[in-house]
């Protein structure tokens, strides 16, 4: 019998992930606050559940993808939440970006009811979600991971088991902090190059063929040049992720000076009212600090 899968959170990531589960043939049951995505899922063959606990009672495996840690804890731990509704032996999988402490809290509540929990945050953005090529980093019991591997494979290309509960969250927060560090470093070095009179396109060509090359350079340079701040990943969510990453580093007794600099730049963008813009909006406070605009050599 095919695994019955539930999905909560049909946003820019969750909806395409859920639709890929349907494409793979899984019976799908959904809950979302927004009517439009529900209709799209139903059109693809999904069934709408009345509430979270009802969804958990129907499905064998429930996946969630939600924006904020408070949303995740509410959906899982409220009296009418997923943990309360799940049957013993069911598997709950969270794809949100939350801290490892929240993962352990949910896992403990699930375990008390004989329910399994995996933290399985994802990387690859909406494009990866649509293509089914996400990176999925998983923490929890290995046997449970192997049990639901077909579900994860339907949504991702690189599915990696990292260890005990919270390990997936640790990996995701490290990844996102590195992205923040790279973004700030890229913007600052482009400002330095421009101030020194170097043509930025020529500098970009050099860097792309040198050891300073990075995925951030490859993906973000064209967007910086176009001043494209249309939200692919909102600054307010990036701010949340970097805050969680810095809290995690502090709990581990490790100071991340580069992480502090990245978080400072994102916090400045938030303070400037840019939370709904793309994470690259850190460009604007960094330009203001430098007293120039990128790609405008006479702006100083």
C-alpha atoms as a PDB file:
ATOM      1  CA  UNK A   1       0.000   0.000   0.000  1.00  0.00           C
ATOM      2  CA  UNK A   2       1.306   3.473  -0.930  1.00  0.00           C
ATOM      3  CA  UNK A   3       2.361   5.742   1.934  1.00  0.00           C
ATOM      4  CA  UNK A   4      -0.312   8.356   2.691  1.00  0.00           C
ATOM      5  CA  UNK A   5       1.454  11.732   2.913  1.00  0.00           C
ATOM      6  CA  UNK A   6       0.193  14.925   4.531  1.00  0.00           C
ATOM      7  CA  UNK A   7       1.572  18.397   3.862  1.00  0.00           C
ATOM      8  CA  UNK A   8       1.211  21.574   5.912  1.00  0.00           C
ATOM      9  CA  UNK A   9       2.412  24.925   4.561  1.00  0.00           C
ATOM     10  CA  UNK A  10       1.819  25.397   0.846  1.00  0.00           C
ATOM     11  CA  UNK A  11       3.972  28.480   0.320  1.00  0.00           C
ATOM     12  CA  UNK A  12       6.601  29.176  -2.326  1.00  0.00           C
ATOM     13  CA  UNK A  13       8.562  26.118  -1.159  1.00  0.00           C
ATOM     14  CA  UNK A  14       5.875  23.866   0.265  1.00  0.00           C
ATOM     15  CA  UNK A  15       3.465  23.893  -2.671  1.00  0.00           C
ATOM     16  CA  UNK A  16       5.942  22.676  -5.316  1.00  0.00           C
ATOM     17  CA  UNK A  17       7.331  20.125  -2.853  1.00  0.00           C
ATOM     18  CA  UNK A  18       3.818  18.817  -2.234  1.00  0.00           C
ATOM     19  CA  UNK A  19       3.059  18.728  -5.958  1.00  0.00           C
ATOM     20  CA  UNK A  20       6.195  16.656  -6.541  1.00  0.00           C
ATOM     21  CA  UNK A  21       4.896  14.151  -4.002  1.00  0.00           C
ATOM     22  CA  UNK A  22       1.743  13.841  -6.104  1.00  0.00           C
ATOM     23  CA  UNK A  23       3.815  13.464  -9.283  1.00  0.00           C
ATOM     24  CA  UNK A  24       5.618  10.585  -7.580  1.00  0.00           C
ATOM     25  CA  UNK A  25       2.252   8.936  -6.970  1.00  0.00           C
ATOM     26  CA  UNK A  26       1.832   9.494  -3.241  1.00  0.00           C
ATOM     27  CA  UNK A  27      -1.748  10.014  -1.990  1.00  0.00           C
ATOM     28  CA  UNK A  28      -1.614  13.571  -0.624  1.00  0.00           C
ATOM     29  CA  UNK A  29      -3.603  15.354   2.091  1.00  0.00           C
ATOM     30  CA  UNK A  30      -3.058  19.077   2.654  1.00  0.00           C
ATOM     31  CA  UNK A  31      -3.725  21.948   5.037  1.00  0.00           C
ATOM     32  CA  UNK A  32      -2.831  25.585   4.324  1.00  0.00           C
ATOM     33  CA  UNK A  33      -3.927  29.024   5.481  1.00  0.00           C
ATOM     34  CA  UNK A  34      -4.190  30.236   1.869  1.00  0.00           C
ATOM     35  CA  UNK A  35      -7.009  29.088  -0.392  1.00  0.00           C
ATOM     36  CA  UNK A  36      -5.166  29.442  -3.706  1.00  0.00           C
ATOM     37  CA  UNK A  37      -2.484  26.816  -3.006  1.00  0.00           C
ATOM     38  CA  UNK A  38      -5.099  24.442  -1.605  1.00  0.00           C
ATOM     39  CA  UNK A  39      -7.003  24.659  -4.892  1.00  0.00           C
ATOM     40  CA  UNK A  40      -3.809  23.967  -6.859  1.00  0.00           C
ATOM     41  CA  UNK A  41      -3.075  20.920  -4.729  1.00  0.00           C
ATOM     42  CA  UNK A  42      -6.646  19.636  -5.095  1.00  0.00           C
ATOM     43  CA  UNK A  43      -6.399  20.099  -8.870  1.00  0.00           C
ATOM     44  CA  UNK A  44      -3.332  17.834  -8.760  1.00  0.00           C
ATOM     45  CA  UNK A  45      -5.298  15.156  -6.915  1.00  0.00           C
ATOM     46  CA  UNK A  46      -4.760  16.064  -3.261  1.00  0.00           C
ATOM     47  CA  UNK A  47      -7.421  15.911  -0.559  1.00  0.00           C
ATOM     48  CA  UNK A  48      -7.981  18.807   1.849  1.00  0.00           C
ATOM     49  CA  UNK A  49      -7.961  17.951   5.552  1.00  0.00           C
ATOM     50  CA  UNK A  50     -10.085  19.923   8.007  1.00  0.00           C
ATOM     51  CA  UNK A  51      -7.295  20.656  10.488  1.00  0.00           C
ATOM     52  CA  UNK A  52      -3.800  19.662  11.615  1.00  0.00           C
ATOM     53  CA  UNK A  53      -4.820  16.866  13.966  1.00  0.00           C
ATOM     54  CA  UNK A  54      -7.185  15.431  11.368  1.00  0.00           C
ATOM     55  CA  UNK A  55      -4.411  15.487   8.785  1.00  0.00           C
ATOM     56  CA  UNK A  56      -2.047  13.681  11.146  1.00  0.00           C
ATOM     57  CA  UNK A  57      -4.681  11.047  11.918  1.00  0.00           C
ATOM     58  CA  UNK A  58      -5.160  10.341   8.194  1.00  0.00           C
ATOM     59  CA  UNK A  59      -1.582  10.373   6.884  1.00  0.00           C
ATOM     60  CA  UNK A  60       1.274   7.962   7.603  1.00  0.00           C
ATOM     61  CA  UNK A  61       3.876  10.671   7.026  1.00  0.00           C
ATOM     62  CA  UNK A  62       3.292  14.407   7.488  1.00  0.00           C
ATOM     63  CA  UNK A  63       5.668  17.032   6.062  1.00  0.00           C
ATOM     64  CA  UNK A  64       5.677  20.694   7.081  1.00  0.00           C
ATOM     65  CA  UNK A  65       7.331  23.779   5.610  1.00  0.00           C
ATOM     66  CA  UNK A  66       6.597  26.940   7.596  1.00  0.00           C
ATOM     67  CA  UNK A  67       8.237  30.375   7.853  1.00  0.00           C
ATOM     68  CA  UNK A  68       8.940  30.924  11.551  1.00  0.00           C
ATOM     69  CA  UNK A  69       9.877  28.730  14.548  1.00  0.00           C
ATOM     70  CA  UNK A  70       6.762  29.906  16.411  1.00  0.00           C
ATOM     71  CA  UNK A  71       4.613  28.696  13.495  1.00  0.00           C
ATOM     72  CA  UNK A  72       6.302  25.306  13.581  1.00  0.00           C
ATOM     73  CA  UNK A  73       5.876  24.823  17.326  1.00  0.00           C
ATOM     74  CA  UNK A  74       2.231  25.889  17.150  1.00  0.00           C
ATOM     75  CA  UNK A  75       1.377  23.513  14.303  1.00  0.00           C
ATOM     76  CA  UNK A  76       3.109  20.602  16.017  1.00  0.00           C
ATOM     77  CA  UNK A  77       2.461  21.194  19.714  1.00  0.00           C
ATOM     78  CA  UNK A  78      -0.934  22.903  20.091  1.00  0.00           C
ATOM     79  CA  UNK A  79      -3.766  20.832  21.536  1.00  0.00           C
ATOM     80  CA  UNK A  80      -5.155  20.318  18.018  1.00  0.00           C
ATOM     81  CA  UNK A  81      -1.723  20.023  16.416  1.00  0.00           C
ATOM     82  CA  UNK A  82       0.100  17.312  14.514  1.00  0.00           C
ATOM     83  CA  UNK A  83       1.610  15.551  17.522  1.00  0.00           C
ATOM     84  CA  UNK A  84      -1.783  15.287  19.217  1.00  0.00           C
ATOM     85  CA  UNK A  85      -3.413  13.860  16.099  1.00  0.00           C
ATOM     86  CA  UNK A  86      -0.682  11.501  14.918  1.00  0.00           C
ATOM     87  CA  UNK A  87      -1.027   7.751  15.342  1.00  0.00           C
ATOM     88  CA  UNK A  88       1.760   5.750  17.046  1.00  0.00           C
ATOM     89  CA  UNK A  89       4.372   4.837  14.461  1.00  0.00           C
ATOM     90  CA  UNK A  90       3.595   7.812  12.229  1.00  0.00           C
ATOM     91  CA  UNK A  91       6.456   9.990  10.990  1.00  0.00           C
ATOM     92  CA  UNK A  92       6.454  13.795  11.149  1.00  0.00           C
ATOM     93  CA  UNK A  93       9.026  15.619   8.995  1.00  0.00           C
ATOM     94  CA  UNK A  94       9.758  19.330   9.274  1.00  0.00           C
ATOM     95  CA  UNK A  95      11.389  21.093   6.321  1.00  0.00           C
ATOM     96  CA  UNK A  96      11.355  24.548   7.960  1.00  0.00           C
ATOM     97  CA  UNK A  97      14.494  26.368   9.081  1.00  0.00           C
ATOM     98  CA  UNK A  98      14.369  26.333  12.879  1.00  0.00           C
ATOM     99  CA  UNK A  99      16.910  25.922  15.660  1.00  0.00           C
ATOM    100  CA  UNK A 100      18.071  22.531  16.950  1.00  0.00           C
ATOM    101  CA  UNK A 101      16.496  23.234  20.357  1.00  0.00           C
ATOM    102  CA  UNK A 102      13.049  23.521  18.751  1.00  0.00           C
ATOM    103  CA  UNK A 103      13.684  20.260  16.893  1.00  0.00           C
ATOM    104  CA  UNK A 104      14.504  18.465  20.132  1.00  0.00           C
ATOM    105  CA  UNK A 105      11.418  19.939  21.846  1.00  0.00           C
ATOM    106  CA  UNK A 106       9.102  18.675  19.114  1.00  0.00           C
ATOM    107  CA  UNK A 107      10.864  15.302  18.949  1.00  0.00           C
ATOM    108  CA  UNK A 108      10.426  14.781  22.697  1.00  0.00           C
ATOM    109  CA  UNK A 109       6.704  15.551  22.493  1.00  0.00           C
ATOM    110  CA  UNK A 110       6.332  13.194  19.536  1.00  0.00           C
ATOM    111  CA  UNK A 111       8.302  10.407  21.206  1.00  0.00           C
ATOM    112  CA  UNK A 112       6.036  10.589  24.258  1.00  0.00           C
ATOM    113  CA  UNK A 113       3.150   9.582  21.970  1.00  0.00           C
ATOM    114  CA  UNK A 114       5.065   6.903  20.081  1.00  0.00           C
ATOM    115  CA  UNK A 115       5.453   9.149  17.034  1.00  0.00           C
ATOM    116  CA  UNK A 116       8.688   9.702  15.088  1.00  0.00           C
ATOM    117  CA  UNK A 117      10.072  13.120  14.124  1.00  0.00           C
ATOM    118  CA  UNK A 118      12.765  14.117  11.633  1.00  0.00           C
ATOM    119  CA  UNK A 119      14.181  17.587  11.068  1.00  0.00           C
ATOM    120  CA  UNK A 120      14.836  17.880   7.350  1.00  0.00           C
ATOM    121  CA  UNK A 121      15.449  21.484   6.242  1.00  0.00           C
ATOM    122  CA  UNK A 122      15.995  22.098   2.559  1.00  0.00           C
ATOM    123  CA  UNK A 123      18.239  24.158   0.296  1.00  0.00           C
ATOM    124  CA  UNK A 124      17.724  25.161  -3.310  1.00  0.00           C
ATOM    125  CA  UNK A 125      14.996  27.780  -3.197  1.00  0.00           C
ATOM    126  CA  UNK A 126      11.690  27.779  -5.072  1.00  0.00           C
ATOM    127  CA  UNK A 127      13.399  26.761  -8.320  1.00  0.00           C
ATOM    128  CA  UNK A 128      14.850  23.661  -6.679  1.00  0.00           C
ATOM    129  CA  UNK A 129      11.515  22.900  -5.051  1.00  0.00           C
ATOM    130  CA  UNK A 130       9.764  23.049  -8.425  1.00  0.00           C
ATOM    131  CA  UNK A 131      12.399  20.920 -10.153  1.00  0.00           C
ATOM    132  CA  UNK A 132      12.547  18.370  -7.332  1.00  0.00           C
ATOM    133  CA  UNK A 133      16.292  18.949  -6.988  1.00  0.00           C
ATOM    134  CA  UNK A 134      16.443  20.266  -3.422  1.00  0.00           C
ATOM    135  CA  UNK A 135      19.195  19.432  -1.001  1.00  0.00           C
ATOM    136  CA  UNK A 136      17.592  17.847   2.062  1.00  0.00           C
ATOM    137  CA  UNK A 137      19.600  17.544   5.288  1.00  0.00           C
ATOM    138  CA  UNK A 138      18.116  15.159   7.819  1.00  0.00           C
ATOM    139  CA  UNK A 139      18.418  14.632  11.558  1.00  0.00           C
ATOM    140  CA  UNK A 140      16.730  11.875  13.577  1.00  0.00           C
ATOM    141  CA  UNK A 141      16.740   8.095  13.877  1.00  0.00           C
ATOM    142  CA  UNK A 142      18.475   6.500  10.907  1.00  0.00           C
ATOM    143  CA  UNK A 143      15.939   3.681  10.661  1.00  0.00           C
ATOM    144  CA  UNK A 144      13.120   6.226  10.406  1.00  0.00           C
ATOM    145  CA  UNK A 145      15.079   8.151   7.778  1.00  0.00           C
ATOM    146  CA  UNK A 146      15.446   4.991   5.691  1.00  0.00           C
ATOM    147  CA  UNK A 147      11.743   4.236   6.131  1.00  0.00           C
ATOM    148  CA  UNK A 148      10.673   7.572   4.606  1.00  0.00           C
ATOM    149  CA  UNK A 149      13.524   7.894   2.109  1.00  0.00           C
ATOM    150  CA  UNK A 150      11.170   7.449  -0.894  1.00  0.00           C
ATOM    151  CA  UNK A 151       9.141  10.449   0.306  1.00  0.00           C
ATOM    152  CA  UNK A 152      12.264  12.600   0.606  1.00  0.00           C
ATOM    153  CA  UNK A 153      13.617  11.416  -2.751  1.00  0.00           C
ATOM    154  CA  UNK A 154      10.421  12.643  -4.418  1.00  0.00           C
ATOM    155  CA  UNK A 155      11.280  16.203  -3.358  1.00  0.00           C
ATOM    156  CA  UNK A 156      15.069  16.331  -3.423  1.00  0.00           C
ATOM    157  CA  UNK A 157      18.125  15.300  -5.397  1.00  0.00           C
ATOM    158  CA  UNK A 158      20.739  15.355  -2.633  1.00  0.00           C
ATOM    159  CA  UNK A 159      19.282  13.763   0.502  1.00  0.00           C
ATOM    160  CA  UNK A 160      21.849  13.468   3.297  1.00  0.00           C
ATOM    161  CA  UNK A 161      21.471  11.866   6.727  1.00  0.00           C
ATOM    162  CA  UNK A 162      23.508  13.845   9.274  1.00  0.00           C
ATOM    163  CA  UNK A 163      22.811  12.242  12.649  1.00  0.00           C
ATOM    164  CA  UNK A 164      20.616  12.712  15.681  1.00  0.00           C
ATOM    165  CA  UNK A 165      17.672  15.110  16.011  1.00  0.00           C
ATOM    166  CA  UNK A 166      18.699  18.697  15.306  1.00  0.00           C
ATOM    167  CA  UNK A 167      21.600  17.744  13.013  1.00  0.00           C
ATOM    168  CA  UNK A 168      19.723  18.816   9.908  1.00  0.00           C
ATOM    169  CA  UNK A 169      18.939  22.172  11.501  1.00  0.00           C
ATOM    170  CA  UNK A 170      22.604  22.642  12.420  1.00  0.00           C
ATOM    171  CA  UNK A 171      23.686  22.020   8.822  1.00  0.00           C
ATOM    172  CA  UNK A 172      21.046  24.369   7.400  1.00  0.00           C
ATOM    173  CA  UNK A 173      21.934  27.209   9.764  1.00  0.00           C
ATOM    174  CA  UNK A 174      25.643  26.807   8.990  1.00  0.00           C
ATOM    175  CA  UNK A 175      24.855  26.920   5.268  1.00  0.00           C
ATOM    176  CA  UNK A 176      22.737  30.053   5.537  1.00  0.00           C
ATOM    177  CA  UNK A 177      25.262  31.829   7.729  1.00  0.00           C
ATOM    178  CA  UNK A 178      27.947  31.076   5.144  1.00  0.00           C
ATOM    179  CA  UNK A 179      25.687  32.547   2.454  1.00  0.00           C
ATOM    180  CA  UNK A 180      25.328  35.712   4.534  1.00  0.00           C
ATOM    181  CA  UNK A 181      29.085  35.932   5.062  1.00  0.00           C
ATOM    182  CA  UNK A 182      29.734  35.455   1.336  1.00  0.00           C
ATOM    183  CA  UNK A 183      27.116  38.039   0.368  1.00  0.00           C
ATOM    184  CA  UNK A 184      28.556  40.713   2.639  1.00  0.00           C
ATOM    185  CA  UNK A 185      32.112  39.922   1.544  1.00  0.00           C
ATOM    186  CA  UNK A 186      31.134  40.068  -2.141  1.00  0.00           C
ATOM    187  CA  UNK A 187      29.377  43.420  -1.805  1.00  0.00           C
ATOM    188  CA  UNK A 188      32.235  44.926   0.198  1.00  0.00           C
ATOM    189  CA  UNK A 189      34.924  43.728  -2.221  1.00  0.00           C
ATOM    190  CA  UNK A 190      32.976  45.056  -5.198  1.00  0.00           C
ATOM    191  CA  UNK A 191      32.775  48.405  -3.415  1.00  0.00           C
ATOM    192  CA  UNK A 192      36.538  48.258  -2.841  1.00  0.00           C
ATOM    193  CA  UNK A 193      37.186  47.389  -6.486  1.00  0.00           C
ATOM    194  CA  UNK A 194      34.967  50.194  -7.734  1.00  0.00           C
ATOM    195  CA  UNK A 195      36.568  52.697  -5.366  1.00  0.00           C
ATOM    196  CA  UNK A 196      39.992  51.635  -6.649  1.00  0.00           C
ATOM    197  CA  UNK A 197      38.899  52.305 -10.224  1.00  0.00           C
ATOM    198  CA  UNK A 198      38.650  48.691 -11.410  1.00  0.00           C
ATOM    199  CA  UNK A 199      35.983  47.747 -13.954  1.00  0.00           C
ATOM    200  CA  UNK A 200      33.618  45.480 -12.047  1.00  0.00           C
ATOM    201  CA  UNK A 201      32.742  43.242 -14.991  1.00  0.00           C
ATOM    202  CA  UNK A 202      36.447  42.627 -15.581  1.00  0.00           C
ATOM    203  CA  UNK A 203      36.916  41.954 -11.861  1.00  0.00           C
ATOM    204  CA  UNK A 204      34.004  39.511 -11.975  1.00  0.00           C
ATOM    205  CA  UNK A 205      35.627  37.695 -14.896  1.00  0.00           C
ATOM    206  CA  UNK A 206      38.878  37.368 -12.947  1.00  0.00           C
ATOM    207  CA  UNK A 207      37.158  36.108  -9.801  1.00  0.00           C
ATOM    208  CA  UNK A 208      35.109  33.542 -11.717  1.00  0.00           C
ATOM    209  CA  UNK A 209      38.368  31.993 -12.931  1.00  0.00           C
ATOM    210  CA  UNK A 210      40.205  32.259  -9.635  1.00  0.00           C
ATOM    211  CA  UNK A 211      40.146  30.765  -6.148  1.00  0.00           C
ATOM    212  CA  UNK A 212      37.815  33.538  -4.969  1.00  0.00           C
ATOM    213  CA  UNK A 213      35.006  32.043  -7.032  1.00  0.00           C
ATOM    214  CA  UNK A 214      31.859  30.977  -5.159  1.00  0.00           C
ATOM    215  CA  UNK A 215      28.251  30.049  -5.831  1.00  0.00           C
ATOM    216  CA  UNK A 216      27.251  33.363  -4.253  1.00  0.00           C
ATOM    217  CA  UNK A 217      29.492  35.258  -6.696  1.00  0.00           C
ATOM    218  CA  UNK A 218      28.105  33.304  -9.642  1.00  0.00           C
ATOM    219  CA  UNK A 219      24.451  33.736  -8.683  1.00  0.00           C
ATOM    220  CA  UNK A 220      24.414  37.149  -7.040  1.00  0.00           C
ATOM    221  CA  UNK A 221      26.682  39.274  -9.238  1.00  0.00           C
ATOM    222  CA  UNK A 222      24.144  39.596 -12.099  1.00  0.00           C
ATOM    223  CA  UNK A 223      21.428  40.476  -9.592  1.00  0.00           C
ATOM    224  CA  UNK A 224      23.605  43.067  -7.862  1.00  0.00           C
ATOM    225  CA  UNK A 225      24.413  44.626 -11.231  1.00  0.00           C
ATOM    226  CA  UNK A 226      20.702  44.772 -12.101  1.00  0.00           C
ATOM    227  CA  UNK A 227      19.840  45.933  -8.550  1.00  0.00           C
ATOM    228  CA  UNK A 228      17.343  43.078  -8.510  1.00  0.00           C
ATOM    229  CA  UNK A 229      15.962  42.945  -4.976  1.00  0.00           C
ATOM    230  CA  UNK A 230      12.734  41.160  -5.908  1.00  0.00           C
ATOM    231  CA  UNK A 231      12.217  38.691  -3.075  1.00  0.00           C
ATOM    232  CA  UNK A 232      13.469  35.212  -3.870  1.00  0.00           C
ATOM    233  CA  UNK A 233      14.346  34.796  -0.172  1.00  0.00           C
ATOM    234  CA  UNK A 234      13.031  37.598   2.003  1.00  0.00           C
ATOM    235  CA  UNK A 235      15.352  39.579   4.259  1.00  0.00           C
ATOM    236  CA  UNK A 236      13.051  38.990   7.254  1.00  0.00           C
ATOM    237  CA  UNK A 237      13.503  35.221   6.878  1.00  0.00           C
ATOM    238  CA  UNK A 238      17.249  35.577   6.314  1.00  0.00           C
ATOM    239  CA  UNK A 239      17.434  37.694   9.476  1.00  0.00           C
ATOM    240  CA  UNK A 240      15.637  34.930  11.404  1.00  0.00           C
ATOM    241  CA  UNK A 241      18.008  32.265  10.065  1.00  0.00           C
ATOM    242  CA  UNK A 242      21.149  34.233  10.855  1.00  0.00           C
ATOM    243  CA  UNK A 243      19.863  35.035  14.343  1.00  0.00           C
ATOM    244  CA  UNK A 244      19.304  31.333  14.973  1.00  0.00           C
ATOM    245  CA  UNK A 245      22.754  30.531  13.566  1.00  0.00           C
ATOM    246  CA  UNK A 246      24.440  33.069  15.826  1.00  0.00           C
ATOM    247  CA  UNK A 247      22.527  31.769  18.853  1.00  0.00           C
ATOM    248  CA  UNK A 248      23.661  28.252  17.956  1.00  0.00           C
ATOM    249  CA  UNK A 249      27.293  29.351  17.654  1.00  0.00           C
ATOM    250  CA  UNK A 250      27.097  31.053  21.054  1.00  0.00           C
ATOM    251  CA  UNK A 251      25.600  27.922  22.627  1.00  0.00           C
ATOM    252  CA  UNK A 252      28.527  25.953  21.177  1.00  0.00           C
ATOM    253  CA  UNK A 253      31.009  28.415  22.676  1.00  0.00           C
ATOM    254  CA  UNK A 254      32.306  29.538  19.282  1.00  0.00           C
ATOM    255  CA  UNK A 255      32.516  33.180  18.312  1.00  0.00           C
ATOM    256  CA  UNK A 256      31.855  33.814  14.625  1.00  0.00           C
ATOM    257  CA  UNK A 257      33.246  37.254  13.812  1.00  0.00           C
ATOM    258  CA  UNK A 258      32.330  36.856  10.146  1.00  0.00           C
ATOM    259  CA  UNK A 259      28.853  35.712  11.155  1.00  0.00           C
ATOM    260  CA  UNK A 260      28.473  38.783  13.358  1.00  0.00           C
ATOM    261  CA  UNK A 261      29.335  40.997  10.386  1.00  0.00           C
ATOM    262  CA  UNK A 262      26.801  39.234   8.151  1.00  0.00           C
ATOM    263  CA  UNK A 263      24.075  39.439  10.793  1.00  0.00           C
ATOM    264  CA  UNK A 264      24.847  43.135  11.344  1.00  0.00           C
ATOM    265  CA  UNK A 265      24.333  43.848   7.628  1.00  0.00           C
ATOM    266  CA  UNK A 266      21.022  41.966   7.530  1.00  0.00           C
ATOM    267  CA  UNK A 267      19.880  43.668  10.743  1.00  0.00           C
ATOM    268  CA  UNK A 268      20.671  47.040   9.151  1.00  0.00           C
ATOM    269  CA  UNK A 269      18.502  46.112   6.165  1.00  0.00           C
ATOM    270  CA  UNK A 270      15.695  45.156   8.543  1.00  0.00           C
ATOM    271  CA  UNK A 271      16.064  48.467  10.402  1.00  0.00           C
ATOM    272  CA  UNK A 272      15.783  50.267   7.051  1.00  0.00           C
ATOM    273  CA  UNK A 273      12.392  48.652   6.441  1.00  0.00           C
ATOM    274  CA  UNK A 274      13.653  46.201   3.820  1.00  0.00           C
ATOM    275  CA  UNK A 275      12.346  43.011   5.427  1.00  0.00           C
ATOM    276  CA  UNK A 276      10.061  42.191   2.501  1.00  0.00           C
ATOM    277  CA  UNK A 277      12.887  42.637  -0.032  1.00  0.00           C
ATOM    278  CA  UNK A 278      15.360  39.943  -1.053  1.00  0.00           C
ATOM    279  CA  UNK A 279      18.233  39.010   1.240  1.00  0.00           C
ATOM    280  CA  UNK A 280      20.499  40.989  -1.108  1.00  0.00           C
ATOM    281  CA  UNK A 281      18.919  44.131   0.373  1.00  0.00           C
ATOM    282  CA  UNK A 282      21.929  44.229   2.709  1.00  0.00           C
ATOM    283  CA  UNK A 283      23.465  45.973  -0.337  1.00  0.00           C
ATOM    284  CA  UNK A 284      21.709  49.236   0.517  1.00  0.00           C
ATOM    285  CA  UNK A 285      23.041  49.852   4.054  1.00  0.00           C
ATOM    286  CA  UNK A 286      26.500  48.706   2.946  1.00  0.00           C
ATOM    287  CA  UNK A 287      26.427  51.201   0.066  1.00  0.00           C
ATOM    288  CA  UNK A 288      25.287  53.911   2.453  1.00  0.00           C
ATOM    289  CA  UNK A 289      28.141  53.107   4.810  1.00  0.00           C
ATOM    290  CA  UNK A 290      30.636  53.238   1.931  1.00  0.00           C
ATOM    291  CA  UNK A 291      29.142  56.440   0.527  1.00  0.00           C
ATOM    292  CA  UNK A 292      28.711  55.069  -3.005  1.00  0.00           C
ATOM    293  CA  UNK A 293      26.422  52.953  -5.168  1.00  0.00           C
ATOM    294  CA  UNK A 294      27.720  49.873  -6.935  1.00  0.00           C
ATOM    295  CA  UNK A 295      28.109  50.154 -10.708  1.00  0.00           C
ATOM    296  CA  UNK A 296      27.940  53.955 -10.507  1.00  0.00           C
ATOM    297  CA  UNK A 297      31.574  55.005 -10.550  1.00  0.00           C
ATOM    298  CA  UNK A 298      30.773  58.694 -10.033  1.00  0.00           C
ATOM    299  CA  UNK A 299      28.343  58.104  -7.138  1.00  0.00           C
ATOM    300  CA  UNK A 300      30.809  59.011  -4.383  1.00  0.00           C
END
